[in-house]
Amino acid sequence: MSTLYIVATPIGNLHDMTYRAVETLKAAGIIACEDTRTTRKLLDAYSITGKRLISCSAINEENSKNGISKLLDEGNDVALVTDAGTPCISDPGARVVDKIQKTKHKIVPIPGANAAVCAMSIAGNAGKSWLFEGFLPKSDGKMKRRLSELLKLETAFVLYESPFRIVRLLQAIGEIEPQRRIMIARELTKIHEETIIGTAGKIAEELSKRQAIKGEFCVVAYCKSDNKSDIDRTGANTEKE
């Protein structure tokens, strides 16, 4: 019986790599990667050498899951990583796990960084419970329909969004529920980490004034009972990008 390790990696700051994750990658002979180039940089940072890297991305996961299963059958332990954060959480890996669950092999989580949990840890009292949604559909119609469903919930929820669509997302939230309290967290754990709390419309207006919007975003929608309208910038780095 072999083992598939689901290994969380840093979401920005390399120092967030856990001791256990480093030891797991050192011990595993084969590492399945979302992007082998990104993983190679991580391995170099921790002087991990001599590993066979194979691709397991959103594009080829359906095929690569069979290859990973075969490698496990042959007696190899395999570590699965993505470019940043925890595999299977808005990242490749779930299909591989589904496949291996049907075999005799073990699946072991190696916990670590996760952007949604990181954002919620600095959101304060966002609500007693919260829902993780991840990325919304790219088409306007589907995105707004799903947003409407989420905003009807009493609970808080967390979204991921790219710098190219963040203003559109915030504007859509503002159209549906103008007073909903929102926190955006940008570039978490990195040098230009920034959080802004306020209504979606006001945050969208502020971001629209910037010459460029950079970095990946976590968006926290607070529970309905905690709506406030003032913008409160917390933890913003004063350096210009």
Protein backbone atom coordinates (compact mmCIF):
# COMPACT_ATOMS: atom_id res chain seq x y z
CA MET A 1 0.00 0.00 0.00
CA SER A 2 1.39 3.37 -1.06
CA THR A 3 0.51 6.88 0.09
CA LEU A 4 -0.76 9.95 -1.71
CA TYR A 5 0.17 13.07 0.25
CA ILE A 6 -1.94 16.21 -0.27
CA VAL A 7 0.61 18.91 0.54
CA ALA A 8 -0.27 22.55 1.17
CA THR A 9 2.30 25.09 -0.02
CA PRO A 10 2.70 28.84 0.70
CA ILE A 11 0.25 31.30 -0.86
CA GLY A 12 2.95 33.94 -1.22
CA ASN A 13 5.49 33.99 1.58
CA LEU A 14 7.88 31.04 1.30
CA HIS A 15 8.46 31.11 5.05
CA ASP A 16 4.91 29.80 5.52
CA MET A 17 6.00 26.35 4.36
CA THR A 18 5.62 23.92 7.27
CA TYR A 19 8.38 21.62 8.52
CA ARG A 20 6.16 18.65 7.83
CA ALA A 21 5.52 19.75 4.25
CA VAL A 22 9.26 20.10 3.61
CA GLU A 23 9.97 16.67 5.09
CA THR A 24 7.15 15.12 3.06
CA LEU A 25 8.47 16.55 -0.21
CA LYS A 26 11.97 15.38 0.68
CA ALA A 27 10.72 11.84 1.33
CA ALA A 28 8.42 11.47 -1.68
CA GLY A 29 10.12 10.24 -4.82
CA ILE A 30 7.46 11.69 -7.11
CA ILE A 31 5.71 15.06 -6.89
CA ALA A 32 2.58 15.79 -8.92
CA CYS A 33 2.47 19.53 -9.65
CA GLU A 34 0.00 22.04 -11.00
CA ASP A 35 2.95 23.70 -12.76
CA THR A 36 6.34 21.98 -12.61
CA ARG A 37 8.17 25.29 -13.08
CA THR A 38 6.53 26.83 -10.01
CA THR A 39 7.15 23.74 -7.92
CA ARG A 40 10.78 23.61 -9.04
CA LYS A 41 11.30 27.10 -7.57
CA LEU A 42 9.76 25.97 -4.28
CA LEU A 43 11.97 22.88 -4.15
CA ASP A 44 15.05 24.96 -4.92
CA ALA A 45 14.20 27.31 -2.04
CA TYR A 46 14.33 24.35 0.36
CA SER A 47 17.23 22.54 -1.33
CA ILE A 48 15.05 19.58 -2.29
CA THR A 49 16.63 17.77 -5.21
CA GLY A 50 16.41 14.55 -7.18
CA LYS A 51 12.63 14.48 -7.50
CA ARG A 52 10.59 13.31 -10.44
CA LEU A 53 8.03 16.01 -11.23
CA ILE A 54 4.87 15.16 -13.14
CA SER A 55 2.07 17.45 -14.27
CA CYS A 56 -1.37 17.46 -12.66
CA SER A 57 -3.16 20.65 -13.69
CA ALA A 58 -6.78 21.60 -14.24
CA ILE A 59 -6.25 20.90 -17.94
CA ASN A 60 -4.88 17.35 -17.65
CA GLU A 61 -6.11 16.14 -14.25
CA GLU A 62 -8.63 13.74 -15.76
CA ASN A 63 -5.78 11.89 -17.50
CA SER A 64 -3.08 12.37 -14.87
CA LYS A 65 -5.19 10.78 -12.12
CA ASN A 66 -4.78 7.43 -13.87
CA GLY A 67 -1.02 7.88 -14.09
CA ILE A 68 -0.81 8.77 -10.40
CA SER A 69 -2.90 5.72 -9.50
CA LYS A 70 -0.54 3.52 -11.52
CA LEU A 71 2.51 5.00 -9.79
CA LEU A 72 0.96 4.23 -6.41
CA ASP A 73 0.19 0.68 -7.57
CA GLU A 74 3.87 0.30 -8.42
CA GLY A 75 4.84 1.10 -4.83
CA ASN A 76 5.67 4.79 -5.15
CA ASP A 77 4.58 7.41 -2.64
CA VAL A 78 3.35 10.55 -4.42
CA ALA A 79 3.07 14.10 -3.10
CA LEU A 80 0.45 16.30 -4.75
CA VAL A 81 0.97 20.08 -4.71
CA THR A 82 -0.51 23.10 -6.45
CA ASP A 83 1.10 26.43 -7.25
CA ALA A 84 -0.10 27.98 -3.98
CA GLY A 85 -2.23 26.91 -1.05
CA THR A 86 -4.04 23.66 -0.40
CA PRO A 87 -4.76 21.26 -3.29
CA CYS A 88 -8.43 20.53 -4.07
CA ILE A 89 -9.57 23.88 -2.61
CA SER A 90 -10.33 25.87 -5.79
CA ASP A 91 -7.29 24.09 -7.21
CA PRO A 92 -6.59 20.78 -8.98
CA GLY A 93 -6.54 17.55 -7.00
CA ALA A 94 -10.13 16.54 -6.24
CA ARG A 95 -10.36 14.15 -9.19
CA VAL A 96 -7.13 12.48 -8.15
CA VAL A 97 -8.40 12.05 -4.59
CA ASP A 98 -11.70 10.63 -5.87
CA LYS A 99 -9.76 8.08 -7.92
CA ILE A 100 -7.42 7.01 -5.12
CA GLN A 101 -10.25 6.75 -2.58
CA LYS A 102 -11.46 3.74 -4.57
CA THR A 103 -8.13 1.94 -4.17
CA LYS A 104 -6.26 0.37 -1.25
CA HIS A 105 -3.83 3.29 -1.02
CA LYS A 106 -3.70 5.83 1.80
CA ILE A 107 -4.45 9.53 1.36
CA VAL A 108 -2.74 11.78 3.92
CA PRO A 109 -3.32 15.55 4.23
CA ILE A 110 -0.31 17.75 5.02
CA PRO A 111 -2.05 20.97 6.14
CA GLY A 112 -0.80 24.49 5.68
CA ALA A 113 -1.65 27.76 4.00
CA ASN A 114 -5.12 28.46 2.65
CA ALA A 115 -6.16 31.89 1.39
CA ALA A 116 -9.80 31.66 2.51
CA VAL A 117 -8.91 30.70 6.08
CA CYS A 118 -6.17 33.32 6.12
CA ALA A 119 -8.68 36.01 5.09
CA MET A 120 -11.27 34.91 7.64
CA SER A 121 -8.66 35.02 10.40
CA ILE A 122 -8.33 38.80 9.91
CA ALA A 123 -11.98 39.53 9.12
CA GLY A 124 -12.97 39.75 12.77
CA ASN A 125 -16.51 38.77 13.71
CA ALA A 126 -17.74 38.05 10.19
CA GLY A 127 -20.32 35.60 11.49
CA LYS A 128 -20.69 32.44 13.53
CA SER A 129 -20.42 30.30 10.41
CA TRP A 130 -19.25 30.92 6.87
CA LEU A 131 -19.41 29.37 3.43
CA PHE A 132 -16.52 28.99 1.00
CA GLU A 133 -17.56 29.53 -2.62
CA GLY A 134 -14.24 30.18 -4.38
CA PHE A 135 -14.40 31.53 -7.92
CA LEU A 136 -17.77 32.50 -9.37
CA PRO A 137 -18.69 31.79 -13.02
CA LYS A 138 -17.03 34.14 -15.51
CA SER A 139 -20.17 35.03 -17.48
CA ASP A 140 -22.04 38.04 -16.08
CA GLY A 141 -25.41 36.32 -16.03
CA LYS A 142 -24.28 33.20 -14.18
CA MET A 143 -22.10 35.23 -11.82
CA LYS A 144 -24.95 37.55 -10.82
CA ARG A 145 -27.40 34.68 -10.39
CA ARG A 146 -25.04 32.86 -8.03
CA LEU A 147 -24.26 36.10 -6.18
CA SER A 148 -27.98 36.69 -5.65
CA GLU A 149 -28.30 33.23 -4.12
CA LEU A 150 -25.32 33.77 -1.82
CA LEU A 151 -26.43 37.22 -0.69
CA LYS A 152 -29.79 35.84 0.41
CA LEU A 153 -27.99 33.69 2.98
CA GLU A 154 -27.68 34.92 6.55
CA THR A 155 -24.15 33.52 6.80
CA ALA A 156 -20.86 35.05 5.70
CA PHE A 157 -19.17 33.71 2.57
CA VAL A 158 -15.75 33.86 0.90
CA LEU A 159 -14.97 34.32 -2.79
CA TYR A 160 -11.77 34.32 -4.82
CA GLU A 161 -11.30 36.77 -7.67
CA SER A 162 -8.62 37.94 -10.10
CA PRO A 163 -7.45 41.56 -10.43
CA PHE A 164 -9.09 41.71 -13.86
CA ARG A 165 -12.61 41.01 -12.55
CA ILE A 166 -12.57 42.30 -8.97
CA VAL A 167 -14.21 45.66 -9.73
CA ARG A 168 -16.95 43.99 -11.76
CA LEU A 169 -17.61 41.57 -8.89
CA LEU A 170 -17.81 44.36 -6.30
CA GLN A 171 -20.11 46.41 -8.52
CA ALA A 172 -22.41 43.41 -8.90
CA ILE A 173 -22.54 42.92 -5.12
CA GLY A 174 -23.31 46.62 -4.72
CA GLU A 175 -26.17 46.43 -7.20
CA ILE A 176 -27.77 43.46 -5.45
CA GLU A 177 -27.18 44.42 -1.82
CA PRO A 178 -25.70 47.94 -1.46
CA GLN A 179 -25.25 47.84 2.34
CA ARG A 180 -23.61 44.43 2.65
CA ARG A 181 -20.33 44.75 4.53
CA ILE A 182 -17.38 43.45 2.52
CA MET A 183 -13.68 42.87 3.13
CA ILE A 184 -11.22 42.46 0.29
CA ALA A 185 -7.82 40.96 1.06
CA ARG A 186 -5.19 41.39 -1.64
CA GLU A 187 -1.77 39.73 -1.94
CA LEU A 188 -2.13 37.89 1.37
CA THR A 189 1.22 37.08 3.05
CA LYS A 190 3.14 39.10 0.43
CA ILE A 191 4.97 42.41 0.76
CA HIS A 192 2.07 44.45 -0.66
CA GLU A 193 -0.62 42.74 1.42
CA GLU A 194 -3.68 44.94 1.80
CA THR A 195 -7.17 44.70 3.27
CA ILE A 196 -10.08 47.10 2.87
CA ILE A 197 -13.43 46.86 4.65
CA GLY A 198 -16.58 48.71 3.60
CA THR A 199 -19.50 48.43 1.22
CA ALA A 200 -18.84 46.80 -2.14
CA GLY A 201 -19.70 49.98 -4.04
CA LYS A 202 -17.28 52.15 -2.08
CA ILE A 203 -14.46 49.64 -2.38
CA ALA A 204 -15.09 49.29 -6.13
CA GLU A 205 -14.97 53.08 -6.46
CA GLU A 206 -11.65 53.24 -4.63
CA LEU A 207 -10.07 50.45 -6.69
CA SER A 208 -11.28 52.06 -9.93
CA LYS A 209 -9.21 55.15 -9.13
CA ARG A 210 -5.97 53.17 -9.15
CA GLN A 211 -3.71 53.21 -12.16
CA ALA A 212 -3.41 49.43 -11.97
CA ILE A 213 -4.94 46.67 -9.87
CA LYS A 214 -2.55 43.87 -9.06
CA GLY A 215 -2.66 40.63 -7.10
CA GLU A 216 -5.20 37.95 -6.32
CA PHE A 217 -8.16 38.78 -4.08
CA CYS A 218 -10.13 37.10 -1.32
CA VAL A 219 -13.54 38.68 -0.85
CA VAL A 220 -15.35 38.20 2.46
CA ALA A 221 -19.05 39.08 2.61
CA TYR A 222 -19.98 39.54 6.27
CA CYS A 223 -23.19 38.09 7.67
CA LYS A 224 -26.28 40.22 7.10
CA SER A 225 -26.48 41.38 10.72
CA ASP A 226 -23.08 43.09 10.50
CA ASN A 227 -23.63 45.56 7.65
CA LYS A 228 -21.72 48.85 7.92
CA SER A 229 -21.09 51.48 5.29
CA ASP A 230 -17.80 53.12 6.25
CA ILE A 231 -14.56 52.14 4.53
CA ASP A 232 -11.89 51.05 6.98
CA ARG A 233 -8.49 50.23 5.54
CA THR A 234 -6.63 47.73 7.72
CA GLY A 235 -3.14 46.39 7.24
CA ALA A 236 -2.53 48.32 4.02
CA ASN A 237 1.11 48.55 3.01
CA THR A 238 2.07 52.15 2.32
CA GLU A 239 4.54 51.26 -0.43
CA LYS A 240 3.52 52.09 -3.98
CA GLU A 241 3.35 49.23 -6.46
